[in-house]
């Protein structure tokens, strides 16, 4: 299974060109800039248009209008809004944690965990500050998913392998909110 990971597009998703092929595309939040319904609808329409068989997304701190949403009506069956929920695709269990929700919700049998926040001290530094979450790090190291996909810390774009877990920060914008990076591709 090929997995395409991106995060922190802040409403600039339509500027992303030449996306590589994959079986699953995952967006780790901050799909909008101001958190308005208009921005979210534009993102959802873009996501619907993409040719990927499976599409997963979680929300970030900028996606205010979806913070309390449990689901989104009328999404196509291949789009999965993971708000403290999971979906299994070809035997791989993806769990998405809502922004600022309890990391204890992450199931022990998760293969891929998708959050907006990074774990503390792992690809979490931006503008001289560590934006990561201590409790999230502890839970991820306890669960040991194959992948932990996130964003939030714009200047910590990259991957790191630790304790058998691939950590990926795929924030596409830099700290100046310029779209300067490309989504990451993984083979599971």
N, C-alpha and C. Protein backbone atom coordinates (compact mmCIF):
# COMPACT_ATOMS: atom_id res chain seq x y z
N UNK A 1 0.85 -1.18 0.00
CA UNK A 1 0.00 0.00 0.00
C UNK A 1 0.89 1.24 0.00
N UNK A 2 0.61 2.15 -0.94
CA UNK A 2 1.32 3.43 -0.98
C UNK A 2 0.48 4.48 -0.28
N UNK A 3 1.14 5.26 0.58
CA UNK A 3 0.49 6.26 1.40
C UNK A 3 1.11 7.61 1.10
N UNK A 4 0.28 8.61 0.81
CA UNK A 4 0.73 9.98 0.56
C UNK A 4 0.31 10.83 1.75
N UNK A 5 1.29 11.49 2.40
CA UNK A 5 1.01 12.27 3.60
C UNK A 5 1.29 13.76 3.37
N UNK A 6 0.31 14.59 3.77
CA UNK A 6 0.49 16.03 3.74
C UNK A 6 -0.21 16.65 4.93
N UNK A 7 0.16 17.86 5.26
CA UNK A 7 -0.42 18.55 6.41
C UNK A 7 -0.23 20.05 6.22
N UNK A 8 -0.98 20.81 7.00
CA UNK A 8 -0.80 22.26 7.09
C UNK A 8 -0.77 22.94 5.73
N UNK A 9 -1.84 22.78 4.99
CA UNK A 9 -1.97 23.47 3.70
C UNK A 9 -2.67 24.82 3.87
N UNK A 10 -3.36 25.03 4.97
CA UNK A 10 -3.95 26.33 5.33
C UNK A 10 -4.70 27.00 4.18
N UNK A 11 -5.52 26.22 3.49
CA UNK A 11 -6.33 26.77 2.41
C UNK A 11 -5.62 26.88 1.07
N UNK A 12 -4.38 26.48 0.99
CA UNK A 12 -3.61 26.58 -0.26
C UNK A 12 -3.55 25.25 -1.01
N UNK A 13 -4.44 24.32 -0.68
CA UNK A 13 -4.43 22.98 -1.27
C UNK A 13 -4.51 22.99 -2.79
N UNK A 14 -5.23 23.94 -3.37
CA UNK A 14 -5.38 23.96 -4.84
C UNK A 14 -4.09 24.37 -5.55
N UNK A 15 -3.13 24.87 -4.82
CA UNK A 15 -1.83 25.24 -5.41
C UNK A 15 -0.87 24.06 -5.50
N UNK A 16 -1.24 22.97 -4.86
CA UNK A 16 -0.38 21.78 -4.88
C UNK A 16 -0.56 21.09 -6.24
N UNK A 17 0.52 20.91 -6.93
CA UNK A 17 0.49 20.32 -8.27
C UNK A 17 1.28 19.02 -8.31
N UNK A 18 0.96 18.20 -9.29
CA UNK A 18 1.71 16.97 -9.56
C UNK A 18 1.82 16.05 -8.35
N UNK A 19 0.69 15.78 -7.74
CA UNK A 19 0.70 14.83 -6.63
C UNK A 19 0.99 13.44 -7.15
N UNK A 20 1.88 12.69 -6.48
CA UNK A 20 2.19 11.34 -6.95
C UNK A 20 1.03 10.39 -6.69
N UNK A 21 1.03 9.28 -7.38
CA UNK A 21 -0.02 8.29 -7.19
C UNK A 21 0.18 7.59 -5.85
N UNK A 22 -0.92 7.15 -5.28
CA UNK A 22 -0.91 6.43 -4.00
C UNK A 22 -2.25 5.74 -3.84
N UNK A 23 -2.31 4.83 -2.89
CA UNK A 23 -3.57 4.15 -2.57
C UNK A 23 -4.38 4.94 -1.56
N UNK A 24 -3.67 5.63 -0.66
CA UNK A 24 -4.32 6.40 0.41
C UNK A 24 -3.63 7.75 0.52
N UNK A 25 -4.42 8.82 0.57
CA UNK A 25 -3.88 10.14 0.86
C UNK A 25 -4.36 10.52 2.26
N UNK A 26 -3.43 11.05 3.07
CA UNK A 26 -3.74 11.42 4.46
C UNK A 26 -3.35 12.86 4.68
N UNK A 27 -4.30 13.66 5.19
CA UNK A 27 -4.04 15.06 5.54
C UNK A 27 -4.15 15.19 7.06
N UNK A 28 -3.08 15.71 7.68
CA UNK A 28 -3.00 15.79 9.14
C UNK A 28 -3.47 17.13 9.73
N UNK A 29 -4.38 17.79 9.07
CA UNK A 29 -5.00 18.97 9.68
C UNK A 29 -4.43 20.31 9.26
N UNK A 30 -5.12 21.35 9.71
CA UNK A 30 -4.96 22.72 9.23
C UNK A 30 -5.22 22.75 7.72
N UNK A 31 -6.42 22.24 7.39
CA UNK A 31 -6.90 22.26 6.01
C UNK A 31 -7.33 23.66 5.62
N UNK A 32 -7.64 24.49 6.62
CA UNK A 32 -8.10 25.85 6.37
C UNK A 32 -7.17 26.83 7.08
N UNK A 33 -7.39 28.10 6.85
CA UNK A 33 -6.58 29.12 7.51
C UNK A 33 -7.36 29.79 8.64
N UNK A 34 -8.62 30.13 8.36
CA UNK A 34 -9.44 30.83 9.35
C UNK A 34 -10.50 29.94 9.98
N UNK A 35 -10.64 28.72 9.51
CA UNK A 35 -11.58 27.79 10.09
C UNK A 35 -13.03 28.01 9.70
N UNK A 36 -13.25 28.66 8.55
CA UNK A 36 -14.62 28.94 8.12
C UNK A 36 -15.20 27.74 7.36
N UNK A 37 -16.52 27.69 7.32
CA UNK A 37 -17.19 26.63 6.56
C UNK A 37 -16.84 26.72 5.09
N UNK A 38 -16.72 27.92 4.55
CA UNK A 38 -16.35 28.10 3.13
C UNK A 38 -15.01 27.45 2.83
N UNK A 39 -14.03 27.69 3.69
CA UNK A 39 -12.70 27.11 3.48
C UNK A 39 -12.75 25.58 3.54
N UNK A 40 -13.48 25.06 4.52
CA UNK A 40 -13.59 23.61 4.67
C UNK A 40 -14.31 23.00 3.48
N UNK A 41 -15.38 23.63 3.01
CA UNK A 41 -16.09 23.11 1.83
C UNK A 41 -15.20 23.11 0.60
N UNK A 42 -14.38 24.15 0.44
CA UNK A 42 -13.46 24.20 -0.69
C UNK A 42 -12.46 23.04 -0.59
N UNK A 43 -11.94 22.80 0.60
CA UNK A 43 -11.03 21.67 0.80
C UNK A 43 -11.71 20.34 0.47
N UNK A 44 -12.94 20.16 0.98
CA UNK A 44 -13.65 18.90 0.75
C UNK A 44 -13.92 18.68 -0.73
N UNK A 45 -14.29 19.72 -1.45
CA UNK A 45 -14.51 19.59 -2.89
C UNK A 45 -13.22 19.22 -3.61
N UNK A 46 -12.11 19.80 -3.20
CA UNK A 46 -10.80 19.46 -3.77
C UNK A 46 -10.48 18.00 -3.49
N UNK A 47 -10.70 17.59 -2.24
CA UNK A 47 -10.40 16.21 -1.84
C UNK A 47 -11.26 15.21 -2.63
N UNK A 48 -12.52 15.53 -2.81
CA UNK A 48 -13.42 14.67 -3.58
C UNK A 48 -12.91 14.49 -5.01
N UNK A 49 -12.37 15.57 -5.59
CA UNK A 49 -11.88 15.55 -6.98
C UNK A 49 -10.61 14.72 -7.16
N UNK A 50 -9.85 14.52 -6.11
CA UNK A 50 -8.58 13.79 -6.24
C UNK A 50 -8.83 12.32 -6.59
N UNK A 51 -7.94 11.72 -7.38
CA UNK A 51 -8.18 10.37 -7.90
C UNK A 51 -7.77 9.23 -6.97
N UNK A 52 -7.54 9.49 -5.70
CA UNK A 52 -7.08 8.44 -4.79
C UNK A 52 -8.22 7.53 -4.36
N UNK A 53 -7.97 6.22 -4.26
CA UNK A 53 -9.03 5.30 -3.83
C UNK A 53 -9.53 5.57 -2.41
N UNK A 54 -8.61 6.00 -1.51
CA UNK A 54 -8.98 6.27 -0.12
C UNK A 54 -8.38 7.60 0.31
N UNK A 55 -9.19 8.38 1.05
CA UNK A 55 -8.77 9.71 1.48
C UNK A 55 -9.13 9.88 2.96
N UNK A 56 -8.12 10.26 3.75
CA UNK A 56 -8.28 10.38 5.19
C UNK A 56 -7.85 11.78 5.60
N UNK A 57 -8.59 12.38 6.55
CA UNK A 57 -8.13 13.65 7.10
C UNK A 57 -8.58 13.81 8.55
N UNK A 58 -7.78 14.58 9.28
CA UNK A 58 -8.11 15.00 10.64
C UNK A 58 -8.07 16.52 10.65
N UNK A 59 -8.51 17.12 11.75
CA UNK A 59 -8.51 18.58 11.82
C UNK A 59 -7.35 19.08 12.68
N UNK A 60 -7.02 20.35 12.44
CA UNK A 60 -5.97 21.01 13.20
C UNK A 60 -6.50 22.20 13.96
N UNK A 61 -5.61 22.93 14.57
CA UNK A 61 -6.00 24.08 15.39
C UNK A 61 -6.65 25.19 14.59
N UNK A 62 -6.42 25.27 13.28
CA UNK A 62 -7.04 26.32 12.46
C UNK A 62 -8.43 25.93 11.96
N UNK A 63 -8.81 24.69 12.09
CA UNK A 63 -10.07 24.19 11.50
C UNK A 63 -11.24 24.29 12.48
N UNK A 64 -11.45 25.50 12.96
CA UNK A 64 -12.38 25.77 14.05
C UNK A 64 -13.79 25.25 13.85
N UNK A 65 -14.33 25.38 12.65
CA UNK A 65 -15.74 24.99 12.44
C UNK A 65 -15.95 23.49 12.56
N UNK A 66 -14.87 22.70 12.61
CA UNK A 66 -15.00 21.24 12.73
C UNK A 66 -14.55 20.71 14.09
N UNK A 67 -14.14 21.57 15.00
CA UNK A 67 -13.60 21.10 16.28
C UNK A 67 -14.54 20.15 17.01
N UNK A 68 -15.83 20.44 17.01
CA UNK A 68 -16.78 19.62 17.76
C UNK A 68 -17.55 18.64 16.90
N UNK A 69 -17.21 18.56 15.62
CA UNK A 69 -17.94 17.67 14.70
C UNK A 69 -17.60 16.22 15.00
N UNK A 70 -18.60 15.38 14.96
CA UNK A 70 -18.40 13.94 15.10
C UNK A 70 -18.31 13.27 13.73
N UNK A 71 -18.97 13.90 12.75
CA UNK A 71 -18.96 13.37 11.39
C UNK A 71 -19.31 14.52 10.44
N UNK A 72 -19.20 14.24 9.15
CA UNK A 72 -19.58 15.21 8.12
C UNK A 72 -20.54 14.48 7.19
N UNK A 73 -21.73 15.03 7.04
CA UNK A 73 -22.76 14.39 6.22
C UNK A 73 -22.39 14.40 4.74
N UNK A 74 -22.85 13.37 4.05
CA UNK A 74 -22.80 13.25 2.60
C UNK A 74 -21.40 13.17 1.99
N UNK A 75 -20.41 12.75 2.78
CA UNK A 75 -19.09 12.52 2.19
C UNK A 75 -19.13 11.22 1.40
N UNK A 76 -18.43 11.16 0.29
CA UNK A 76 -18.33 9.88 -0.43
C UNK A 76 -17.74 8.80 0.48
N UNK A 77 -18.05 7.55 0.19
CA UNK A 77 -17.62 6.43 1.04
C UNK A 77 -16.11 6.30 1.15
N UNK A 78 -15.36 6.83 0.19
CA UNK A 78 -13.90 6.68 0.22
C UNK A 78 -13.20 7.83 0.95
N UNK A 79 -13.97 8.75 1.53
CA UNK A 79 -13.38 9.85 2.32
C UNK A 79 -13.70 9.59 3.79
N UNK A 80 -12.65 9.58 4.59
CA UNK A 80 -12.78 9.24 6.00
C UNK A 80 -12.32 10.42 6.87
N UNK A 81 -13.29 11.06 7.51
CA UNK A 81 -13.02 12.12 8.48
C UNK A 81 -12.83 11.42 9.82
N UNK A 82 -11.59 11.35 10.26
CA UNK A 82 -11.30 10.61 11.49
C UNK A 82 -11.19 11.59 12.65
N UNK A 83 -12.24 11.62 13.42
CA UNK A 83 -12.31 12.46 14.62
C UNK A 83 -12.50 11.50 15.79
N UNK A 84 -11.38 11.08 16.38
CA UNK A 84 -11.39 10.09 17.46
C UNK A 84 -12.03 8.79 16.97
N UNK A 85 -11.66 8.40 15.77
CA UNK A 85 -12.24 7.21 15.17
C UNK A 85 -11.20 6.55 14.26
N UNK A 86 -11.57 5.36 13.76
CA UNK A 86 -10.63 4.62 12.93
C UNK A 86 -11.32 4.06 11.70
N UNK A 87 -10.50 3.68 10.75
CA UNK A 87 -10.95 2.98 9.56
C UNK A 87 -9.86 1.97 9.21
N UNK A 88 -10.28 0.80 8.76
CA UNK A 88 -9.32 -0.22 8.33
C UNK A 88 -9.40 -0.33 6.81
N UNK A 89 -8.24 -0.18 6.18
CA UNK A 89 -8.14 -0.24 4.72
C UNK A 89 -7.12 -1.31 4.37
N UNK A 90 -7.56 -2.33 3.65
CA UNK A 90 -6.68 -3.45 3.26
C UNK A 90 -5.89 -3.99 4.45
N UNK A 91 -6.54 -4.14 5.58
CA UNK A 91 -5.92 -4.71 6.76
C UNK A 91 -5.09 -3.76 7.59
N UNK A 92 -5.00 -2.49 7.19
CA UNK A 92 -4.23 -1.48 7.93
C UNK A 92 -5.21 -0.59 8.70
N UNK A 93 -5.04 -0.52 10.02
CA UNK A 93 -5.95 0.27 10.85
C UNK A 93 -5.38 1.67 11.05
N UNK A 94 -6.13 2.66 10.52
CA UNK A 94 -5.79 4.08 10.67
C UNK A 94 -6.66 4.65 11.79
N UNK A 95 -6.04 5.35 12.74
CA UNK A 95 -6.80 6.03 13.78
C UNK A 95 -6.47 7.51 13.72
N UNK A 96 -7.51 8.35 13.72
CA UNK A 96 -7.33 9.79 13.71
C UNK A 96 -7.81 10.40 15.01
N UNK A 97 -6.94 11.18 15.64
CA UNK A 97 -7.26 11.84 16.90
C UNK A 97 -7.65 13.28 16.64
N UNK A 98 -8.80 13.69 17.15
CA UNK A 98 -9.24 15.07 17.02
C UNK A 98 -8.27 16.02 17.67
N UNK A 99 -8.19 17.23 17.16
CA UNK A 99 -7.24 18.21 17.69
C UNK A 99 -7.52 18.47 19.17
N UNK A 100 -6.47 18.38 19.96
CA UNK A 100 -6.53 18.69 21.39
C UNK A 100 -7.42 17.72 22.16
N UNK A 101 -7.59 16.50 21.65
CA UNK A 101 -8.38 15.48 22.34
C UNK A 101 -7.43 14.54 23.08
N UNK A 102 -7.96 13.72 23.94
CA UNK A 102 -7.15 12.86 24.80
C UNK A 102 -6.47 11.74 24.01
N UNK A 103 -5.17 11.69 24.14
CA UNK A 103 -4.37 10.66 23.48
C UNK A 103 -4.72 9.26 23.98
N UNK A 104 -5.38 9.18 25.12
CA UNK A 104 -5.80 7.86 25.63
C UNK A 104 -6.82 7.19 24.74
N UNK A 105 -7.42 7.94 23.82
CA UNK A 105 -8.39 7.38 22.88
C UNK A 105 -7.73 6.52 21.80
N UNK A 106 -6.42 6.63 21.65
CA UNK A 106 -5.71 5.88 20.60
C UNK A 106 -5.73 4.39 20.94
N UNK A 107 -6.35 3.56 20.08
CA UNK A 107 -6.42 2.12 20.36
C UNK A 107 -5.04 1.44 20.29
N UNK A 108 -4.88 0.42 21.10
CA UNK A 108 -3.62 -0.33 21.15
C UNK A 108 -3.26 -0.99 19.82
N UNK A 109 -4.26 -1.30 19.00
CA UNK A 109 -4.01 -2.03 17.75
C UNK A 109 -3.91 -1.13 16.52
N UNK A 110 -3.61 0.15 16.73
CA UNK A 110 -3.49 1.09 15.60
C UNK A 110 -2.21 0.84 14.83
N UNK A 111 -2.33 0.77 13.50
CA UNK A 111 -1.15 0.65 12.63
C UNK A 111 -0.61 2.01 12.23
N UNK A 112 -1.52 2.95 11.95
CA UNK A 112 -1.16 4.31 11.55
C UNK A 112 -1.99 5.26 12.41
N UNK A 113 -1.31 6.13 13.15
CA UNK A 113 -2.00 7.14 13.96
C UNK A 113 -1.80 8.48 13.26
N UNK A 114 -2.92 9.20 13.08
CA UNK A 114 -2.91 10.50 12.43
C UNK A 114 -3.36 11.53 13.45
N UNK A 115 -2.51 12.51 13.71
CA UNK A 115 -2.85 13.61 14.61
C UNK A 115 -2.41 14.91 13.95
N UNK A 116 -2.84 16.02 14.50
CA UNK A 116 -2.29 17.28 14.02
C UNK A 116 -1.04 17.62 14.82
N UNK A 117 -1.15 17.49 16.12
CA UNK A 117 -0.01 17.79 16.99
C UNK A 117 1.08 16.74 16.86
N UNK A 118 2.34 17.16 16.99
CA UNK A 118 3.43 16.20 17.06
C UNK A 118 3.64 15.74 18.50
N UNK A 119 4.36 14.64 18.68
CA UNK A 119 4.78 14.28 20.02
C UNK A 119 5.94 15.20 20.43
N UNK A 120 6.04 15.46 21.72
CA UNK A 120 7.10 16.35 22.20
C UNK A 120 8.48 15.83 21.79
N UNK A 121 9.31 16.74 21.32
CA UNK A 121 10.71 16.50 20.98
C UNK A 121 10.92 15.59 19.77
N UNK A 122 9.86 15.36 18.99
CA UNK A 122 10.01 14.61 17.74
C UNK A 122 9.42 15.47 16.62
N UNK A 123 10.28 16.07 15.81
CA UNK A 123 9.85 16.89 14.68
C UNK A 123 8.80 17.92 15.10
N UNK A 124 9.04 18.58 16.23
CA UNK A 124 8.02 19.47 16.80
C UNK A 124 8.49 20.91 16.98
N UNK A 125 9.71 21.24 16.54
CA UNK A 125 10.22 22.58 16.80
C UNK A 125 9.92 23.53 15.64
N UNK A 126 9.45 24.71 15.98
CA UNK A 126 9.18 25.75 15.00
C UNK A 126 9.30 27.09 15.68
N UNK A 127 10.02 27.99 15.07
CA UNK A 127 10.23 29.34 15.61
C UNK A 127 10.81 29.28 17.03
N UNK A 128 11.69 28.30 17.27
CA UNK A 128 12.36 28.21 18.55
C UNK A 128 11.54 27.60 19.68
N UNK A 129 10.36 27.11 19.37
CA UNK A 129 9.48 26.53 20.38
C UNK A 129 9.19 25.08 20.04
N UNK A 130 9.14 24.23 21.06
CA UNK A 130 8.71 22.85 20.87
C UNK A 130 7.20 22.81 21.07
N UNK A 131 6.46 22.44 20.02
CA UNK A 131 4.99 22.46 20.02
C UNK A 131 4.39 21.10 20.33
N UNK A 132 5.21 20.13 20.60
CA UNK A 132 4.74 18.77 20.80
C UNK A 132 4.02 18.55 22.12
N UNK A 133 3.37 17.40 22.19
CA UNK A 133 2.54 17.01 23.32
C UNK A 133 3.20 15.84 24.04
N UNK A 134 3.48 16.01 25.34
CA UNK A 134 4.15 14.99 26.14
C UNK A 134 3.31 13.73 26.25
N UNK A 135 2.04 13.89 26.58
CA UNK A 135 1.17 12.71 26.77
C UNK A 135 0.98 11.95 25.45
N UNK A 136 0.93 12.68 24.34
CA UNK A 136 0.82 12.03 23.03
C UNK A 136 2.07 11.18 22.77
N UNK A 137 3.23 11.73 23.04
CA UNK A 137 4.48 10.96 22.85
C UNK A 137 4.44 9.68 23.68
N UNK A 138 4.05 9.80 24.94
CA UNK A 138 4.01 8.63 25.81
C UNK A 138 3.07 7.56 25.26
N UNK A 139 1.90 7.98 24.78
CA UNK A 139 0.92 7.02 24.26
C UNK A 139 1.40 6.38 22.96
N UNK A 140 2.00 7.18 22.08
CA UNK A 140 2.51 6.63 20.82
C UNK A 140 3.60 5.61 21.09
N UNK A 141 4.51 5.90 22.01
CA UNK A 141 5.58 4.95 22.33
C UNK A 141 5.03 3.69 23.01
N UNK A 142 3.88 3.82 23.66
CA UNK A 142 3.23 2.67 24.28
C UNK A 142 2.51 1.81 23.22
N UNK A 143 1.77 2.46 22.32
CA UNK A 143 1.00 1.75 21.29
C UNK A 143 1.92 1.15 20.23
N UNK A 144 2.97 1.88 19.87
CA UNK A 144 3.92 1.46 18.84
C UNK A 144 3.27 1.22 17.47
N UNK A 145 2.56 2.22 16.93
CA UNK A 145 2.03 2.05 15.57
C UNK A 145 3.20 2.01 14.58
N UNK A 146 2.93 1.54 13.40
CA UNK A 146 3.99 1.54 12.38
C UNK A 146 4.35 2.96 11.96
N UNK A 147 3.32 3.83 11.91
CA UNK A 147 3.51 5.22 11.49
C UNK A 147 2.73 6.14 12.40
N UNK A 148 3.32 7.31 12.69
CA UNK A 148 2.60 8.41 13.33
C UNK A 148 2.75 9.60 12.39
N UNK A 149 1.62 10.04 11.83
CA UNK A 149 1.59 11.12 10.84
C UNK A 149 1.01 12.37 11.48
N UNK A 150 1.68 13.51 11.32
CA UNK A 150 1.25 14.75 11.95
C UNK A 150 1.80 15.95 11.20
N UNK A 151 1.61 17.13 11.74
CA UNK A 151 2.11 18.38 11.17
C UNK A 151 2.30 19.39 12.28
N UNK A 152 1.65 20.54 12.12
CA UNK A 152 1.58 21.63 13.12
C UNK A 152 2.86 22.45 13.22
N UNK A 153 4.01 21.83 13.44
CA UNK A 153 5.28 22.55 13.57
C UNK A 153 5.87 22.71 12.17
N UNK A 154 5.58 23.84 11.54
CA UNK A 154 5.90 24.04 10.12
C UNK A 154 7.37 23.84 9.79
N UNK A 155 8.27 24.25 10.63
CA UNK A 155 9.69 24.17 10.27
C UNK A 155 10.36 22.86 10.68
N UNK A 156 9.56 21.87 11.08
CA UNK A 156 10.13 20.56 11.43
C UNK A 156 9.71 19.47 10.45
N UNK A 157 9.45 19.89 9.22
CA UNK A 157 9.11 18.94 8.14
C UNK A 157 10.21 17.88 8.07
N UNK A 158 9.80 16.62 8.06
CA UNK A 158 10.78 15.54 7.93
C UNK A 158 10.24 14.24 8.46
N UNK A 159 11.11 13.23 8.47
CA UNK A 159 10.75 11.94 9.03
C UNK A 159 11.84 11.52 10.01
N UNK A 160 11.42 10.69 10.93
CA UNK A 160 12.35 10.16 11.93
C UNK A 160 11.88 8.77 12.31
N UNK A 161 12.80 7.83 12.41
CA UNK A 161 12.47 6.48 12.83
C UNK A 161 12.97 6.31 14.25
N UNK A 162 12.05 5.98 15.16
CA UNK A 162 12.43 5.82 16.56
C UNK A 162 11.61 4.67 17.15
N UNK A 163 12.27 3.75 17.80
CA UNK A 163 11.61 2.61 18.44
C UNK A 163 10.75 1.82 17.46
N UNK A 164 11.17 1.75 16.20
CA UNK A 164 10.43 1.01 15.19
C UNK A 164 9.21 1.74 14.64
N UNK A 165 9.05 3.01 15.01
CA UNK A 165 7.93 3.83 14.54
C UNK A 165 8.47 4.88 13.58
N UNK A 166 7.81 5.03 12.43
CA UNK A 166 8.16 6.10 11.50
C UNK A 166 7.30 7.31 11.87
N UNK A 167 7.95 8.40 12.26
CA UNK A 167 7.28 9.66 12.56
C UNK A 167 7.42 10.56 11.35
N UNK A 168 6.30 11.16 10.92
CA UNK A 168 6.33 12.02 9.74
C UNK A 168 5.61 13.33 10.02
N UNK A 169 6.36 14.43 9.89
CA UNK A 169 5.78 15.76 9.92
C UNK A 169 5.78 16.25 8.47
N UNK A 170 4.61 16.34 7.87
CA UNK A 170 4.50 16.74 6.47
C UNK A 170 3.83 18.10 6.31
N UNK A 171 4.19 19.05 7.19
CA UNK A 171 3.69 20.42 7.06
C UNK A 171 4.24 21.02 5.77
N UNK A 172 3.36 21.36 4.84
CA UNK A 172 3.81 21.84 3.53
C UNK A 172 4.17 23.33 3.53
N UNK A 173 3.67 24.08 4.52
CA UNK A 173 3.99 25.50 4.60
C UNK A 173 5.14 25.72 5.57
N UNK A 174 5.94 26.74 5.28
CA UNK A 174 6.99 27.12 6.23
C UNK A 174 6.40 28.12 7.23
N UNK A 175 7.23 28.65 8.12
CA UNK A 175 6.73 29.57 9.15
C UNK A 175 6.26 30.91 8.58
N UNK A 176 6.58 31.17 7.32
CA UNK A 176 6.12 32.40 6.66
C UNK A 176 4.85 32.13 5.85
N UNK A 177 4.27 30.93 6.03
CA UNK A 177 3.05 30.49 5.34
C UNK A 177 3.20 30.45 3.82
N UNK A 178 4.39 30.04 3.40
CA UNK A 178 4.66 29.82 1.97
C UNK A 178 4.61 28.34 1.71
N UNK A 179 3.94 27.94 0.65
CA UNK A 179 3.85 26.54 0.24
C UNK A 179 5.17 26.16 -0.41
N UNK A 180 6.06 25.53 0.36
CA UNK A 180 7.42 25.28 -0.13
C UNK A 180 7.82 23.81 -0.15
N UNK A 181 6.96 22.93 0.36
CA UNK A 181 7.34 21.53 0.46
C UNK A 181 6.37 20.62 -0.28
N UNK A 182 6.80 19.40 -0.50
CA UNK A 182 5.98 18.40 -1.19
C UNK A 182 5.51 17.35 -0.19
N UNK A 183 4.34 16.75 -0.46
CA UNK A 183 3.86 15.66 0.40
C UNK A 183 4.85 14.50 0.39
N UNK A 184 4.83 13.72 1.45
CA UNK A 184 5.72 12.56 1.57
C UNK A 184 4.97 11.29 1.16
N UNK A 185 5.71 10.36 0.58
CA UNK A 185 5.12 9.09 0.17
C UNK A 185 5.80 7.95 0.94
N UNK A 186 4.99 7.02 1.40
CA UNK A 186 5.48 5.85 2.15
C UNK A 186 4.88 4.60 1.55
N UNK A 187 5.61 3.49 1.69
CA UNK A 187 5.09 2.18 1.30
C UNK A 187 4.92 1.36 2.56
N UNK A 188 3.68 0.96 2.82
CA UNK A 188 3.40 0.16 4.01
C UNK A 188 3.48 -1.31 3.68
